[in-house]
């Protein structure tokens, strides 16, 4: 078992394990750009109270911090203490032998600075230090060009690959085709 750690990154950023104190910054980020929030958090239901849905998600994540089933972080700018976004290793898996799916959401004013790849590198380095095998999925809607570019960059940096066929993911009572990318950490390590 591994507790979600705090991780330091270049650019004066830190990954702090998500807890209920992230509610207000997440809601502020949602209000800045609701459409990107729906893309990054496809489980959000536009017809239900957003505050309650995010509160429930934070409760679920915080109660599982020590379970090693999921790991979620707030991305924080240490100088300004600004909430930059969320990144996490979740358990909504598409493939049988995967351990986690990687999801991320960076606020619009912080995009195009390499923040996501720096966060992924820190998280994958932490997983690598654990000396066991992990398979990570990244699922991206095929029209999300920025998401596809990020997934391709992660695959290039960590020896991952894109699966040729689309995977159908249920979002809002619809099956939506997605591209799936797979990254293996510590291949040949303990399972």
N, C-alpha and C. Protein backbone atom coordinates (compact mmCIF):
# COMPACT_ATOMS: atom_id res chain seq x y z
N UNK A 1 0.83 -1.19 0.00
CA UNK A 1 0.00 0.00 0.00
C UNK A 1 0.88 1.25 0.00
N UNK A 2 0.44 2.28 -0.71
CA UNK A 2 1.17 3.53 -0.76
C UNK A 2 0.20 4.69 -0.59
N UNK A 3 0.52 5.57 0.32
CA UNK A 3 -0.24 6.79 0.53
C UNK A 3 0.11 7.76 -0.58
N UNK A 4 -0.85 8.55 -1.02
CA UNK A 4 -0.59 9.56 -2.04
C UNK A 4 0.40 10.58 -1.48
N UNK A 5 1.58 10.71 -2.12
CA UNK A 5 2.60 11.61 -1.57
C UNK A 5 2.46 13.03 -2.11
N UNK A 6 3.06 13.98 -1.41
CA UNK A 6 3.24 15.31 -1.97
C UNK A 6 4.47 15.23 -2.85
N UNK A 7 4.42 15.84 -4.03
CA UNK A 7 5.53 15.80 -4.97
C UNK A 7 5.90 17.22 -5.40
N UNK A 8 7.19 17.49 -5.49
CA UNK A 8 7.70 18.78 -5.95
C UNK A 8 8.03 18.69 -7.43
N UNK A 9 7.80 19.78 -8.15
CA UNK A 9 8.04 19.82 -9.59
C UNK A 9 8.90 21.02 -9.94
N UNK A 10 9.44 21.02 -11.18
CA UNK A 10 10.10 22.24 -11.67
C UNK A 10 9.07 23.36 -11.79
N UNK A 11 9.51 24.54 -12.07
CA UNK A 11 8.65 25.71 -12.27
C UNK A 11 7.98 26.18 -10.99
N UNK A 12 8.45 25.73 -9.81
CA UNK A 12 7.86 26.18 -8.57
C UNK A 12 6.48 25.62 -8.30
N UNK A 13 6.22 24.43 -8.83
CA UNK A 13 4.91 23.79 -8.64
C UNK A 13 5.02 22.63 -7.67
N UNK A 14 3.90 22.30 -7.05
CA UNK A 14 3.84 21.14 -6.17
C UNK A 14 2.55 20.38 -6.45
N UNK A 15 2.61 19.09 -6.27
CA UNK A 15 1.42 18.24 -6.31
C UNK A 15 1.07 17.90 -4.87
N UNK A 16 -0.10 18.36 -4.44
CA UNK A 16 -0.56 18.10 -3.08
C UNK A 16 -1.73 17.15 -3.14
N UNK A 17 -1.74 16.11 -2.30
CA UNK A 17 -2.88 15.18 -2.31
C UNK A 17 -4.20 15.95 -2.16
N UNK A 18 -5.16 15.61 -2.99
CA UNK A 18 -6.45 16.30 -2.99
C UNK A 18 -7.17 16.03 -1.68
N UNK A 19 -7.80 17.09 -1.16
CA UNK A 19 -8.68 16.95 0.00
C UNK A 19 -9.82 17.95 -0.15
N UNK A 20 -10.69 17.98 0.84
CA UNK A 20 -11.90 18.81 0.75
C UNK A 20 -11.61 20.30 0.64
N UNK A 21 -10.41 20.74 1.04
CA UNK A 21 -10.05 22.15 0.93
C UNK A 21 -9.93 22.61 -0.53
N UNK A 22 -9.87 21.66 -1.45
CA UNK A 22 -9.77 22.01 -2.88
C UNK A 22 -11.11 22.40 -3.48
N UNK A 23 -12.20 22.27 -2.73
CA UNK A 23 -13.53 22.54 -3.29
C UNK A 23 -13.64 23.95 -3.88
N UNK A 24 -13.31 24.96 -3.10
CA UNK A 24 -13.46 26.34 -3.59
C UNK A 24 -12.58 26.62 -4.81
N UNK A 25 -11.28 26.26 -4.77
CA UNK A 25 -10.45 26.51 -5.97
C UNK A 25 -10.95 25.75 -7.21
N UNK A 26 -11.44 24.53 -7.02
CA UNK A 26 -11.95 23.77 -8.16
C UNK A 26 -13.21 24.44 -8.72
N UNK A 27 -14.10 24.88 -7.84
CA UNK A 27 -15.32 25.57 -8.30
C UNK A 27 -14.97 26.86 -9.02
N UNK A 28 -13.99 27.61 -8.51
CA UNK A 28 -13.56 28.84 -9.20
C UNK A 28 -13.02 28.51 -10.59
N UNK A 29 -12.21 27.45 -10.68
CA UNK A 29 -11.67 27.04 -11.99
C UNK A 29 -12.80 26.58 -12.90
N UNK A 30 -13.76 25.85 -12.37
CA UNK A 30 -14.93 25.42 -13.15
C UNK A 30 -15.67 26.64 -13.71
N UNK A 31 -15.88 27.65 -12.87
CA UNK A 31 -16.62 28.84 -13.30
C UNK A 31 -15.87 29.64 -14.36
N UNK A 32 -14.54 29.57 -14.37
CA UNK A 32 -13.74 30.24 -15.39
C UNK A 32 -13.95 29.61 -16.77
N UNK A 33 -14.11 28.29 -16.80
CA UNK A 33 -14.14 27.57 -18.07
C UNK A 33 -14.91 26.25 -17.91
N UNK A 34 -16.26 26.33 -17.79
CA UNK A 34 -17.04 25.11 -17.57
C UNK A 34 -16.83 24.05 -18.66
N UNK A 35 -16.66 24.48 -19.91
CA UNK A 35 -16.55 23.50 -20.99
C UNK A 35 -15.31 22.62 -20.83
N UNK A 36 -14.18 23.21 -20.44
CA UNK A 36 -12.99 22.39 -20.25
C UNK A 36 -13.15 21.48 -19.04
N UNK A 37 -13.91 21.93 -18.05
CA UNK A 37 -14.17 21.07 -16.87
C UNK A 37 -14.97 19.84 -17.30
N UNK A 38 -15.96 20.03 -18.17
CA UNK A 38 -16.75 18.89 -18.63
C UNK A 38 -15.91 17.93 -19.47
N UNK A 39 -14.96 18.47 -20.21
CA UNK A 39 -14.07 17.60 -20.99
C UNK A 39 -13.14 16.81 -20.07
N UNK A 40 -12.60 17.47 -19.06
CA UNK A 40 -11.65 16.81 -18.16
C UNK A 40 -12.34 15.92 -17.13
N UNK A 41 -13.55 16.28 -16.77
CA UNK A 41 -14.31 15.54 -15.76
C UNK A 41 -15.63 15.09 -16.38
N UNK A 42 -15.59 14.12 -17.30
CA UNK A 42 -16.78 13.77 -18.08
C UNK A 42 -17.93 13.20 -17.25
N UNK A 43 -17.67 12.84 -16.01
CA UNK A 43 -18.73 12.34 -15.13
C UNK A 43 -19.61 13.47 -14.59
N UNK A 44 -19.16 14.73 -14.73
CA UNK A 44 -19.99 15.85 -14.28
C UNK A 44 -21.29 15.87 -15.07
N UNK A 45 -22.39 15.99 -14.37
CA UNK A 45 -23.72 16.05 -14.98
C UNK A 45 -24.20 17.49 -14.95
N UNK A 46 -24.38 18.10 -16.13
CA UNK A 46 -24.80 19.49 -16.23
C UNK A 46 -26.15 19.74 -15.59
N UNK A 47 -26.94 18.70 -15.42
CA UNK A 47 -28.29 18.84 -14.87
C UNK A 47 -28.34 18.69 -13.35
N UNK A 48 -27.19 18.48 -12.72
CA UNK A 48 -27.14 18.34 -11.26
C UNK A 48 -26.25 19.42 -10.68
N UNK A 49 -26.37 19.61 -9.39
CA UNK A 49 -25.59 20.63 -8.68
C UNK A 49 -24.09 20.31 -8.79
N UNK A 50 -23.34 21.20 -9.45
CA UNK A 50 -21.91 21.00 -9.67
C UNK A 50 -21.16 20.97 -8.34
N UNK A 51 -21.50 21.88 -7.44
CA UNK A 51 -20.84 21.95 -6.13
C UNK A 51 -20.94 20.61 -5.41
N UNK A 52 -22.13 20.03 -5.38
CA UNK A 52 -22.33 18.76 -4.69
C UNK A 52 -21.56 17.63 -5.37
N UNK A 53 -21.54 17.62 -6.70
CA UNK A 53 -20.81 16.57 -7.42
C UNK A 53 -19.31 16.63 -7.13
N UNK A 54 -18.77 17.84 -7.11
CA UNK A 54 -17.33 17.99 -6.83
C UNK A 54 -17.05 17.68 -5.37
N UNK A 55 -17.94 18.11 -4.48
CA UNK A 55 -17.78 17.79 -3.05
C UNK A 55 -17.76 16.27 -2.86
N UNK A 56 -18.67 15.56 -3.53
CA UNK A 56 -18.72 14.10 -3.42
C UNK A 56 -17.43 13.47 -3.94
N UNK A 57 -16.94 13.98 -5.07
CA UNK A 57 -15.69 13.46 -5.64
C UNK A 57 -14.53 13.66 -4.67
N UNK A 58 -14.45 14.86 -4.07
CA UNK A 58 -13.37 15.14 -3.12
C UNK A 58 -13.46 14.24 -1.89
N UNK A 59 -14.67 13.99 -1.42
CA UNK A 59 -14.85 13.09 -0.29
C UNK A 59 -14.36 11.69 -0.64
N UNK A 60 -14.78 11.20 -1.82
CA UNK A 60 -14.35 9.86 -2.26
C UNK A 60 -12.83 9.77 -2.38
N UNK A 61 -12.22 10.78 -2.99
CA UNK A 61 -10.77 10.77 -3.18
C UNK A 61 -10.05 10.84 -1.84
N UNK A 62 -10.50 11.73 -0.97
CA UNK A 62 -9.82 11.89 0.32
C UNK A 62 -9.92 10.62 1.17
N UNK A 63 -11.05 9.93 1.12
CA UNK A 63 -11.19 8.72 1.92
C UNK A 63 -10.36 7.56 1.36
N UNK A 64 -9.91 7.68 0.09
CA UNK A 64 -9.11 6.61 -0.50
C UNK A 64 -7.63 6.95 -0.61
N UNK A 65 -7.20 8.04 0.02
CA UNK A 65 -5.81 8.50 -0.07
C UNK A 65 -4.80 7.42 0.29
N UNK A 66 -5.14 6.55 1.23
CA UNK A 66 -4.19 5.53 1.67
C UNK A 66 -4.49 4.15 1.10
N UNK A 67 -5.45 4.04 0.18
CA UNK A 67 -5.86 2.73 -0.34
C UNK A 67 -4.97 2.21 -1.46
N UNK A 68 -4.25 3.08 -2.14
CA UNK A 68 -3.45 2.76 -3.31
C UNK A 68 -4.31 2.37 -4.51
N UNK A 69 -5.62 2.58 -4.42
CA UNK A 69 -6.51 2.32 -5.56
C UNK A 69 -6.56 3.52 -6.50
N UNK A 70 -6.47 4.72 -5.92
CA UNK A 70 -6.46 5.96 -6.68
C UNK A 70 -5.50 6.93 -6.01
N UNK A 71 -5.00 7.86 -6.80
CA UNK A 71 -4.12 8.92 -6.28
C UNK A 71 -4.46 10.20 -7.05
N UNK A 72 -4.91 11.23 -6.35
CA UNK A 72 -5.25 12.49 -6.99
C UNK A 72 -4.54 13.64 -6.29
N UNK A 73 -4.10 14.61 -7.10
CA UNK A 73 -3.37 15.76 -6.59
C UNK A 73 -3.96 17.07 -7.11
N UNK A 74 -3.87 18.09 -6.27
CA UNK A 74 -4.06 19.47 -6.72
C UNK A 74 -2.69 19.94 -7.19
N UNK A 75 -2.67 20.62 -8.32
CA UNK A 75 -1.44 21.23 -8.82
C UNK A 75 -1.43 22.65 -8.27
N UNK A 76 -0.39 23.00 -7.51
CA UNK A 76 -0.33 24.28 -6.82
C UNK A 76 0.91 25.05 -7.24
N UNK A 77 0.74 26.33 -7.56
CA UNK A 77 1.86 27.23 -7.80
C UNK A 77 2.34 27.67 -6.42
N UNK A 78 3.54 27.24 -6.03
CA UNK A 78 4.01 27.49 -4.66
C UNK A 78 4.25 28.98 -4.36
N UNK A 79 4.62 29.75 -5.36
CA UNK A 79 4.89 31.17 -5.11
C UNK A 79 3.60 31.94 -4.83
N UNK A 80 2.59 31.74 -5.67
CA UNK A 80 1.33 32.48 -5.51
C UNK A 80 0.28 31.71 -4.71
N UNK A 81 0.52 30.42 -4.50
CA UNK A 81 -0.44 29.51 -3.86
C UNK A 81 -1.70 29.33 -4.71
N UNK A 82 -1.60 29.63 -6.02
CA UNK A 82 -2.73 29.46 -6.94
C UNK A 82 -2.99 27.98 -7.22
N UNK A 83 -4.25 27.65 -7.35
CA UNK A 83 -4.67 26.33 -7.80
C UNK A 83 -4.50 26.32 -9.32
N UNK A 84 -3.66 25.42 -9.82
CA UNK A 84 -3.35 25.35 -11.25
C UNK A 84 -4.24 24.31 -11.94
N UNK A 85 -4.57 23.23 -11.23
CA UNK A 85 -5.40 22.19 -11.83
C UNK A 85 -5.40 20.93 -10.99
N UNK A 86 -5.88 19.86 -11.60
CA UNK A 86 -5.95 18.54 -10.97
C UNK A 86 -5.25 17.53 -11.86
N UNK A 87 -4.68 16.53 -11.23
CA UNK A 87 -4.13 15.40 -11.97
C UNK A 87 -4.30 14.17 -11.09
N UNK A 88 -4.57 13.05 -11.70
CA UNK A 88 -4.77 11.89 -10.87
C UNK A 88 -4.65 10.57 -11.60
N UNK A 89 -4.46 9.54 -10.79
CA UNK A 89 -4.46 8.16 -11.24
C UNK A 89 -5.75 7.54 -10.70
N UNK A 90 -6.70 7.32 -11.61
CA UNK A 90 -8.00 6.83 -11.20
C UNK A 90 -8.18 5.35 -11.47
N UNK A 91 -9.38 4.88 -11.17
CA UNK A 91 -9.68 3.45 -11.33
C UNK A 91 -10.79 3.17 -12.35
N UNK A 92 -11.07 4.14 -13.22
CA UNK A 92 -12.03 3.93 -14.31
C UNK A 92 -11.26 3.35 -15.49
N UNK A 93 -11.13 2.03 -15.51
CA UNK A 93 -10.24 1.36 -16.46
C UNK A 93 -10.99 0.76 -17.64
N UNK A 94 -10.34 0.78 -18.79
CA UNK A 94 -10.91 0.22 -20.01
C UNK A 94 -10.32 -1.14 -20.36
N UNK A 95 -9.09 -1.39 -19.92
CA UNK A 95 -8.39 -2.61 -20.27
C UNK A 95 -8.20 -3.49 -19.04
N UNK A 96 -8.22 -4.78 -19.26
CA UNK A 96 -8.22 -5.76 -18.18
C UNK A 96 -7.01 -5.67 -17.26
N UNK A 97 -5.83 -5.49 -17.78
CA UNK A 97 -4.62 -5.57 -16.95
C UNK A 97 -4.03 -4.21 -16.57
N UNK A 98 -4.84 -3.17 -16.63
CA UNK A 98 -4.36 -1.85 -16.24
C UNK A 98 -4.51 -1.64 -14.74
N UNK A 99 -3.66 -0.75 -14.20
CA UNK A 99 -3.72 -0.40 -12.79
C UNK A 99 -4.43 0.93 -12.56
N UNK A 100 -4.15 1.89 -13.43
CA UNK A 100 -4.71 3.23 -13.25
C UNK A 100 -5.03 3.84 -14.62
N UNK A 101 -5.94 4.83 -14.60
CA UNK A 101 -6.07 5.71 -15.75
C UNK A 101 -5.59 7.09 -15.31
N UNK A 102 -4.91 7.78 -16.20
CA UNK A 102 -4.37 9.10 -15.91
C UNK A 102 -5.36 10.14 -16.42
N UNK A 103 -5.72 11.06 -15.55
CA UNK A 103 -6.57 12.18 -15.94
C UNK A 103 -5.98 13.47 -15.44
N UNK A 104 -6.23 14.56 -16.16
CA UNK A 104 -5.66 15.84 -15.76
C UNK A 104 -6.53 16.97 -16.27
N UNK A 105 -6.43 18.08 -15.59
CA UNK A 105 -7.17 19.29 -15.97
C UNK A 105 -6.34 20.48 -15.49
N UNK A 106 -5.89 21.29 -16.42
CA UNK A 106 -5.11 22.47 -16.10
C UNK A 106 -5.93 23.70 -16.49
N UNK A 107 -6.02 24.64 -15.56
CA UNK A 107 -6.77 25.87 -15.82
C UNK A 107 -6.22 26.57 -17.06
N UNK A 108 -7.12 27.22 -17.80
CA UNK A 108 -6.74 27.80 -19.10
C UNK A 108 -5.56 28.77 -19.00
N UNK A 109 -5.47 29.58 -17.96
CA UNK A 109 -4.38 30.56 -17.89
C UNK A 109 -3.02 29.92 -17.61
N UNK A 110 -3.00 28.63 -17.28
CA UNK A 110 -1.73 27.93 -17.02
C UNK A 110 -1.36 26.95 -18.14
N UNK A 111 -2.17 26.89 -19.18
CA UNK A 111 -1.90 25.93 -20.25
C UNK A 111 -0.73 26.38 -21.12
N UNK A 112 -0.20 25.41 -21.89
CA UNK A 112 0.90 25.65 -22.84
C UNK A 112 2.19 26.06 -22.15
N UNK A 113 2.41 25.51 -20.95
CA UNK A 113 3.65 25.79 -20.21
C UNK A 113 4.38 24.50 -19.86
N UNK A 114 3.89 23.37 -20.34
CA UNK A 114 4.53 22.10 -20.02
C UNK A 114 4.20 21.57 -18.64
N UNK A 115 3.17 22.13 -18.01
CA UNK A 115 2.82 21.74 -16.64
C UNK A 115 2.36 20.29 -16.59
N UNK A 116 1.50 19.89 -17.51
CA UNK A 116 0.97 18.52 -17.47
C UNK A 116 2.10 17.51 -17.59
N UNK A 117 3.00 17.67 -18.54
CA UNK A 117 4.07 16.69 -18.72
C UNK A 117 5.00 16.68 -17.50
N UNK A 118 5.25 17.84 -16.89
CA UNK A 118 6.07 17.87 -15.67
C UNK A 118 5.38 17.13 -14.52
N UNK A 119 4.07 17.28 -14.41
CA UNK A 119 3.32 16.56 -13.39
C UNK A 119 3.36 15.06 -13.65
N UNK A 120 3.12 14.67 -14.90
CA UNK A 120 3.16 13.25 -15.26
C UNK A 120 4.53 12.67 -14.95
N UNK A 121 5.59 13.38 -15.30
CA UNK A 121 6.94 12.88 -15.02
C UNK A 121 7.15 12.65 -13.53
N UNK A 122 6.70 13.58 -12.70
CA UNK A 122 6.87 13.42 -11.25
C UNK A 122 6.08 12.21 -10.74
N UNK A 123 4.86 12.05 -11.24
CA UNK A 123 4.02 10.92 -10.81
C UNK A 123 4.61 9.60 -11.28
N UNK A 124 5.04 9.54 -12.53
CA UNK A 124 5.62 8.30 -13.06
C UNK A 124 6.96 7.98 -12.41
N UNK A 125 7.74 9.00 -12.06
CA UNK A 125 8.99 8.75 -11.32
C UNK A 125 8.68 8.16 -9.95
N UNK A 126 7.62 8.66 -9.30
CA UNK A 126 7.21 8.09 -8.02
C UNK A 126 6.79 6.62 -8.20
N UNK A 127 5.98 6.34 -9.23
CA UNK A 127 5.59 4.96 -9.49
C UNK A 127 6.82 4.10 -9.78
N UNK A 128 7.76 4.62 -10.56
CA UNK A 128 8.98 3.87 -10.89
C UNK A 128 9.77 3.52 -9.64
N UNK A 129 9.79 4.42 -8.67
CA UNK A 129 10.55 4.18 -7.44
C UNK A 129 9.95 3.06 -6.60
N UNK A 130 8.72 2.69 -6.88
CA UNK A 130 8.05 1.66 -6.09
C UNK A 130 8.42 0.24 -6.54
N UNK A 131 9.15 0.12 -7.63
CA UNK A 131 9.73 -1.15 -8.10
C UNK A 131 8.71 -2.24 -8.46
N UNK A 132 7.46 -1.88 -8.66
CA UNK A 132 6.49 -2.87 -9.11
C UNK A 132 5.93 -2.42 -10.45
N UNK A 133 5.34 -3.35 -11.17
CA UNK A 133 4.80 -3.06 -12.49
C UNK A 133 3.47 -2.32 -12.38
N UNK A 134 3.33 -1.26 -13.20
CA UNK A 134 2.07 -0.52 -13.31
C UNK A 134 1.77 -0.30 -14.78
N UNK A 135 0.53 -0.51 -15.17
CA UNK A 135 0.07 -0.16 -16.52
C UNK A 135 -0.90 1.01 -16.36
N UNK A 136 -0.60 2.09 -17.07
CA UNK A 136 -1.38 3.31 -17.01
C UNK A 136 -2.09 3.52 -18.34
N UNK A 137 -3.36 3.87 -18.29
CA UNK A 137 -4.14 4.21 -19.48
C UNK A 137 -4.34 5.73 -19.54
N UNK A 138 -4.32 6.25 -20.73
CA UNK A 138 -4.75 7.63 -20.98
C UNK A 138 -5.80 7.54 -22.08
N UNK A 139 -7.02 7.94 -21.79
CA UNK A 139 -8.07 7.92 -22.81
C UNK A 139 -8.36 9.36 -23.23
N UNK A 140 -8.46 9.57 -24.53
CA UNK A 140 -8.64 10.92 -25.08
C UNK A 140 -9.67 10.88 -26.19
N UNK A 141 -10.59 11.83 -26.17
CA UNK A 141 -11.54 11.96 -27.27
C UNK A 141 -10.76 12.28 -28.54
N UNK A 142 -11.08 11.64 -29.67
CA UNK A 142 -10.27 11.82 -30.89
C UNK A 142 -10.29 13.24 -31.46
N UNK A 143 -11.21 14.10 -31.03
CA UNK A 143 -11.22 15.48 -31.50
C UNK A 143 -10.50 16.43 -30.56
N UNK A 144 -10.00 15.91 -29.44
CA UNK A 144 -9.27 16.72 -28.47
C UNK A 144 -7.80 16.75 -28.88
N UNK A 145 -7.46 17.67 -29.77
CA UNK A 145 -6.11 17.71 -30.33
C UNK A 145 -5.04 17.97 -29.27
N UNK A 146 -5.32 18.86 -28.31
CA UNK A 146 -4.35 19.13 -27.25
C UNK A 146 -4.16 17.88 -26.38
N UNK A 147 -5.25 17.20 -26.07
CA UNK A 147 -5.17 15.97 -25.27
C UNK A 147 -4.40 14.88 -25.99
N UNK A 148 -4.63 14.75 -27.29
CA UNK A 148 -3.91 13.75 -28.08
C UNK A 148 -2.41 14.07 -28.13
N UNK A 149 -2.09 15.36 -28.26
CA UNK A 149 -0.68 15.77 -28.29
C UNK A 149 -0.02 15.48 -26.94
N UNK A 150 -0.73 15.75 -25.85
CA UNK A 150 -0.18 15.47 -24.52
C UNK A 150 0.03 13.98 -24.33
N UNK A 151 -0.97 13.17 -24.71
CA UNK A 151 -0.84 11.71 -24.58
C UNK A 151 0.33 11.20 -25.42
N UNK A 152 0.49 11.74 -26.63
CA UNK A 152 1.61 11.34 -27.49
C UNK A 152 2.95 11.72 -26.85
N UNK A 153 3.02 12.91 -26.23
CA UNK A 153 4.25 13.34 -25.56
C UNK A 153 4.58 12.44 -24.37
N UNK A 154 3.55 12.06 -23.61
CA UNK A 154 3.76 11.16 -22.47
C UNK A 154 4.25 9.81 -22.97
N UNK A 155 3.61 9.30 -24.02
CA UNK A 155 4.04 8.01 -24.59
C UNK A 155 5.48 8.08 -25.09
N UNK A 156 5.85 9.17 -25.76
CA UNK A 156 7.21 9.31 -26.26
C UNK A 156 8.22 9.35 -25.11
N UNK A 157 7.88 10.06 -24.04
CA UNK A 157 8.79 10.20 -22.91
C UNK A 157 8.92 8.92 -22.09
N UNK A 158 7.85 8.11 -22.06
CA UNK A 158 7.82 6.95 -21.17
C UNK A 158 7.67 5.62 -21.91
N UNK A 159 7.90 5.60 -23.21
CA UNK A 159 7.87 4.35 -23.96
C UNK A 159 6.48 3.74 -24.08
N UNK A 160 5.47 4.58 -24.13
CA UNK A 160 4.10 4.09 -24.26
C UNK A 160 3.69 3.92 -25.70
N UNK A 161 2.44 3.52 -25.89
CA UNK A 161 1.92 3.31 -27.24
C UNK A 161 0.45 3.65 -27.30
N UNK A 162 0.00 3.96 -28.51
CA UNK A 162 -1.41 4.21 -28.76
C UNK A 162 -2.04 2.94 -29.32
N UNK A 163 -3.23 2.61 -28.84
CA UNK A 163 -3.96 1.45 -29.36
C UNK A 163 -4.65 1.88 -30.65
N UNK A 164 -4.59 1.05 -31.68
CA UNK A 164 -5.14 1.41 -32.99
C UNK A 164 -6.65 1.61 -32.99
N UNK A 165 -7.38 0.71 -32.34
CA UNK A 165 -8.84 0.82 -32.40
C UNK A 165 -9.36 1.75 -31.30
N UNK A 166 -10.54 2.31 -31.57
CA UNK A 166 -11.19 3.18 -30.59
C UNK A 166 -11.82 2.34 -29.49
N UNK A 167 -11.93 2.94 -28.32
CA UNK A 167 -12.58 2.32 -27.16
C UNK A 167 -13.83 3.15 -26.88
N UNK A 168 -14.98 2.51 -26.73
CA UNK A 168 -16.21 3.23 -26.39
C UNK A 168 -16.30 3.47 -24.90
N UNK A 169 -16.52 4.71 -24.51
CA UNK A 169 -16.65 5.08 -23.10
C UNK A 169 -18.03 5.69 -22.88
N UNK A 170 -18.71 5.23 -21.83
CA UNK A 170 -20.04 5.74 -21.50
C UNK A 170 -19.92 7.11 -20.84
N UNK A 171 -20.51 8.12 -21.49
CA UNK A 171 -20.54 9.47 -20.94
C UNK A 171 -21.94 10.00 -21.13
N UNK A 172 -22.62 10.30 -20.03
CA UNK A 172 -23.96 10.87 -20.11
C UNK A 172 -24.92 10.02 -20.91
N UNK A 173 -24.95 8.73 -20.65
CA UNK A 173 -25.86 7.79 -21.32
C UNK A 173 -25.59 7.63 -22.81
N UNK A 174 -24.37 7.95 -23.23
CA UNK A 174 -23.95 7.76 -24.63
C UNK A 174 -22.61 7.06 -24.64
N UNK A 175 -22.38 6.26 -25.66
CA UNK A 175 -21.07 5.67 -25.86
C UNK A 175 -20.28 6.59 -26.79
N UNK A 176 -19.15 7.07 -26.29
CA UNK A 176 -18.33 8.02 -27.03
C UNK A 176 -16.99 7.36 -27.33
N UNK A 177 -16.59 7.32 -28.63
CA UNK A 177 -15.31 6.69 -28.96
C UNK A 177 -14.13 7.53 -28.45
N UNK A 178 -13.13 6.84 -27.93
CA UNK A 178 -11.92 7.49 -27.42
C UNK A 178 -10.69 6.73 -27.91
N UNK A 179 -9.59 7.45 -28.02
CA UNK A 179 -8.29 6.85 -28.26
C UNK A 179 -7.74 6.44 -26.90
N UNK A 180 -7.08 5.31 -26.86
CA UNK A 180 -6.46 4.89 -25.61
C UNK A 180 -4.96 4.73 -25.83
N UNK A 181 -4.21 5.22 -24.85
CA UNK A 181 -2.76 5.13 -24.85
C UNK A 181 -2.36 4.35 -23.61
N UNK A 182 -1.30 3.56 -23.73
CA UNK A 182 -0.87 2.69 -22.64
C UNK A 182 0.60 2.96 -22.34
N UNK A 183 0.90 3.12 -21.06
CA UNK A 183 2.27 3.30 -20.62
C UNK A 183 2.54 2.26 -19.53
N UNK A 184 3.58 1.47 -19.71
CA UNK A 184 3.99 0.48 -18.70
C UNK A 184 5.16 1.04 -17.91
N UNK A 185 5.03 1.00 -16.60
CA UNK A 185 6.08 1.44 -15.70
C UNK A 185 6.65 0.20 -15.01
N UNK A 186 7.96 0.08 -15.00
CA UNK A 186 8.65 -1.06 -14.38
C UNK A 186 8.22 -2.39 -15.00
N UNK A 187 8.17 -2.44 -16.32
CA UNK A 187 7.86 -3.71 -16.99
C UNK A 187 8.87 -4.75 -16.52
N UNK A 188 8.37 -5.90 -16.14
CA UNK A 188 9.24 -6.94 -15.61
C UNK A 188 9.38 -6.87 -14.09
N UNK A 189 8.78 -5.80 -13.47
CA UNK A 189 8.83 -5.69 -12.01
C UNK A 189 7.75 -6.56 -11.38
N UNK A 190 7.65 -6.47 -10.08
CA UNK A 190 6.65 -7.27 -9.35
C UNK A 190 5.25 -6.83 -9.75
N UNK A 191 4.33 -7.78 -9.86
CA UNK A 191 2.95 -7.46 -10.22
C UNK A 191 2.13 -7.15 -9.01
